[in-house]
Amino acid sequence: MISVTRLDGKKYWINPHMIESMDKNPDLTITFLSGKKVVVKDDVDELIQRIISYRKQLEITKQEL
């Protein structure tokens, strides 16, 4: 799980494996495979780095080479 911050400042933890897409307009909207959407104030580049770091911890990147 990785943490994100909702627009109201509350922390929220998400499963990055369930992310379908992310759109910035101007806030970052994360759409999950279920269709649920969460709007966060995190920077998209920072969030991508958190996802990469999380996947490295699980050693998932080795399967994708």
N, C-alpha and C. Protein backbone atom coordinates (compact mmCIF):
# COMPACT_ATOMS: atom_id res chain seq x y z
N MET A 1 0.85 -1.18 0.00
CA MET A 1 0.00 0.00 0.00
C MET A 1 0.90 1.24 0.00
N ILE A 2 0.42 2.27 -0.67
CA ILE A 2 1.12 3.54 -0.67
C ILE A 2 0.17 4.62 -0.17
N SER A 3 0.74 5.66 0.43
CA SER A 3 -0.10 6.73 0.96
C SER A 3 -0.27 7.84 -0.07
N VAL A 4 -1.45 8.43 -0.04
CA VAL A 4 -1.76 9.62 -0.83
C VAL A 4 -2.48 10.58 0.11
N THR A 5 -2.58 11.83 -0.29
CA THR A 5 -3.26 12.83 0.53
C THR A 5 -4.45 13.38 -0.24
N ARG A 6 -5.61 13.21 0.34
CA ARG A 6 -6.83 13.73 -0.28
C ARG A 6 -6.82 15.26 -0.22
N LEU A 7 -7.70 15.88 -0.94
CA LEU A 7 -7.75 17.34 -0.99
C LEU A 7 -8.03 17.97 0.37
N ASP A 8 -8.72 17.23 1.26
CA ASP A 8 -9.01 17.76 2.60
C ASP A 8 -7.85 17.57 3.57
N GLY A 9 -6.72 17.01 3.09
CA GLY A 9 -5.52 16.85 3.91
C GLY A 9 -5.41 15.51 4.61
N LYS A 10 -6.43 14.67 4.51
CA LYS A 10 -6.40 13.37 5.17
C LYS A 10 -5.57 12.38 4.37
N LYS A 11 -4.80 11.56 5.09
CA LYS A 11 -4.01 10.51 4.45
C LYS A 11 -4.92 9.35 4.09
N TYR A 12 -4.58 8.71 3.00
CA TYR A 12 -5.37 7.61 2.46
C TYR A 12 -4.39 6.62 1.87
N TRP A 13 -4.59 5.34 2.08
CA TRP A 13 -3.68 4.33 1.56
C TRP A 13 -4.37 3.55 0.45
N ILE A 14 -3.63 3.38 -0.65
CA ILE A 14 -4.20 2.72 -1.81
C ILE A 14 -3.31 1.56 -2.24
N ASN A 15 -3.91 0.62 -2.95
CA ASN A 15 -3.18 -0.49 -3.54
C ASN A 15 -2.79 -0.07 -4.96
N PRO A 16 -1.51 0.16 -5.23
CA PRO A 16 -1.12 0.64 -6.55
C PRO A 16 -1.36 -0.37 -7.67
N HIS A 17 -1.54 -1.63 -7.33
CA HIS A 17 -1.81 -2.64 -8.35
C HIS A 17 -3.22 -2.52 -8.91
N MET A 18 -4.07 -1.76 -8.24
CA MET A 18 -5.45 -1.60 -8.66
C MET A 18 -5.69 -0.31 -9.44
N ILE A 19 -4.61 0.46 -9.71
CA ILE A 19 -4.75 1.72 -10.45
C ILE A 19 -4.88 1.42 -11.93
N GLU A 20 -5.90 1.98 -12.53
CA GLU A 20 -6.08 1.86 -13.98
C GLU A 20 -5.46 3.05 -14.70
N SER A 21 -5.69 4.26 -14.15
CA SER A 21 -5.13 5.45 -14.78
C SER A 21 -5.05 6.59 -13.77
N MET A 22 -4.25 7.61 -14.14
CA MET A 22 -4.15 8.83 -13.35
C MET A 22 -4.25 10.00 -14.31
N ASP A 23 -5.09 10.97 -13.96
CA ASP A 23 -5.28 12.15 -14.79
C ASP A 23 -5.04 13.40 -13.96
N LYS A 24 -4.31 14.35 -14.52
CA LYS A 24 -4.06 15.61 -13.84
C LYS A 24 -4.85 16.71 -14.54
N ASN A 25 -5.82 17.31 -13.81
CA ASN A 25 -6.66 18.33 -14.45
C ASN A 25 -7.38 19.23 -13.44
N PRO A 26 -6.89 20.14 -12.71
CA PRO A 26 -5.50 20.32 -12.32
C PRO A 26 -5.10 19.40 -11.17
N ASP A 27 -6.09 18.91 -10.39
CA ASP A 27 -5.76 17.96 -9.32
C ASP A 27 -5.58 16.57 -9.92
N LEU A 28 -4.88 15.72 -9.20
CA LEU A 28 -4.61 14.37 -9.67
C LEU A 28 -5.79 13.46 -9.32
N THR A 29 -6.40 12.88 -10.33
CA THR A 29 -7.51 11.94 -10.15
C THR A 29 -7.01 10.55 -10.47
N ILE A 30 -7.13 9.66 -9.49
CA ILE A 30 -6.71 8.27 -9.66
C ILE A 30 -7.97 7.44 -9.91
N THR A 31 -7.97 6.70 -11.01
CA THR A 31 -9.09 5.82 -11.33
C THR A 31 -8.64 4.39 -11.12
N PHE A 32 -9.42 3.64 -10.36
CA PHE A 32 -9.09 2.25 -10.05
C PHE A 32 -9.81 1.31 -11.02
N LEU A 33 -9.36 0.09 -11.06
CA LEU A 33 -9.96 -0.92 -11.93
C LEU A 33 -11.45 -1.10 -11.64
N SER A 34 -11.86 -0.84 -10.41
CA SER A 34 -13.27 -0.96 -10.03
C SER A 34 -14.12 0.18 -10.57
N GLY A 35 -13.48 1.24 -11.07
CA GLY A 35 -14.19 2.42 -11.52
C GLY A 35 -14.22 3.54 -10.49
N LYS A 36 -13.86 3.23 -9.25
CA LYS A 36 -13.81 4.24 -8.20
C LYS A 36 -12.73 5.25 -8.53
N LYS A 37 -13.00 6.52 -8.17
CA LYS A 37 -12.03 7.59 -8.40
C LYS A 37 -11.71 8.28 -7.09
N VAL A 38 -10.44 8.65 -6.93
CA VAL A 38 -9.98 9.38 -5.76
C VAL A 38 -9.19 10.58 -6.25
N VAL A 39 -9.53 11.77 -5.74
CA VAL A 39 -8.80 12.98 -6.10
C VAL A 39 -7.82 13.28 -4.98
N VAL A 40 -6.56 13.47 -5.35
CA VAL A 40 -5.50 13.69 -4.36
C VAL A 40 -4.69 14.93 -4.72
N LYS A 41 -3.97 15.45 -3.73
CA LYS A 41 -3.14 16.61 -4.02
C LYS A 41 -1.67 16.25 -4.20
N ASP A 42 -1.35 14.99 -4.23
CA ASP A 42 0.02 14.54 -4.44
C ASP A 42 0.49 14.89 -5.85
N ASP A 43 1.78 15.12 -5.98
CA ASP A 43 2.40 15.35 -7.28
C ASP A 43 2.49 14.03 -8.03
N VAL A 44 2.13 14.03 -9.31
CA VAL A 44 2.10 12.79 -10.09
C VAL A 44 3.48 12.13 -10.16
N ASP A 45 4.54 12.91 -10.35
CA ASP A 45 5.88 12.32 -10.43
C ASP A 45 6.30 11.69 -9.10
N GLU A 46 5.94 12.34 -8.00
CA GLU A 46 6.24 11.79 -6.68
C GLU A 46 5.45 10.49 -6.44
N LEU A 47 4.21 10.49 -6.86
CA LEU A 47 3.37 9.30 -6.70
C LEU A 47 3.92 8.13 -7.52
N ILE A 48 4.35 8.41 -8.73
CA ILE A 48 4.95 7.36 -9.56
C ILE A 48 6.19 6.79 -8.89
N GLN A 49 6.99 7.64 -8.29
CA GLN A 49 8.19 7.17 -7.58
C GLN A 49 7.80 6.28 -6.39
N ARG A 50 6.73 6.64 -5.68
CA ARG A 50 6.26 5.79 -4.57
C ARG A 50 5.82 4.43 -5.07
N ILE A 51 5.15 4.41 -6.22
CA ILE A 51 4.71 3.14 -6.81
C ILE A 51 5.91 2.29 -7.20
N ILE A 52 6.90 2.91 -7.84
CA ILE A 52 8.11 2.18 -8.23
C ILE A 52 8.81 1.63 -7.01
N SER A 53 8.95 2.44 -5.97
CA SER A 53 9.61 2.01 -4.74
C SER A 53 8.86 0.84 -4.10
N TYR A 54 7.54 0.93 -4.06
CA TYR A 54 6.72 -0.13 -3.50
C TYR A 54 6.91 -1.43 -4.28
N ARG A 55 6.91 -1.34 -5.60
CA ARG A 55 7.06 -2.53 -6.44
C ARG A 55 8.46 -3.13 -6.28
N LYS A 56 9.46 -2.28 -6.08
CA LYS A 56 10.82 -2.78 -5.85
C LYS A 56 10.89 -3.55 -4.53
N GLN A 57 10.20 -3.05 -3.52
CA GLN A 57 10.17 -3.75 -2.23
C GLN A 57 9.58 -5.14 -2.38
N LEU A 58 8.62 -5.29 -3.27
CA LEU A 58 7.99 -6.58 -3.50
C LEU A 58 8.72 -7.41 -4.55
N GLU A 59 9.77 -6.82 -5.12
CA GLU A 59 10.59 -7.45 -6.16
C GLU A 59 9.76 -7.79 -7.40
N ILE A 60 8.79 -6.94 -7.69
CA ILE A 60 7.93 -7.16 -8.86
C ILE A 60 8.63 -6.75 -10.13
N THR A 61 9.53 -5.78 -10.06
CA THR A 61 10.18 -5.27 -11.27
C THR A 61 10.96 -6.36 -11.99
N LYS A 62 11.45 -7.36 -11.27
CA LYS A 62 12.21 -8.43 -11.90
C LYS A 62 11.37 -9.24 -12.88
N GLN A 63 10.08 -9.33 -12.62
CA GLN A 63 9.19 -10.08 -13.50
C GLN A 63 8.90 -9.31 -14.78
N GLU A 64 9.10 -8.00 -14.77
CA GLU A 64 8.72 -7.17 -15.91
C GLU A 64 9.88 -6.92 -16.88
N LEU A 65 11.06 -7.40 -16.57
CA LEU A 65 12.20 -7.17 -17.46
C LEU A 65 12.15 -8.01 -18.68
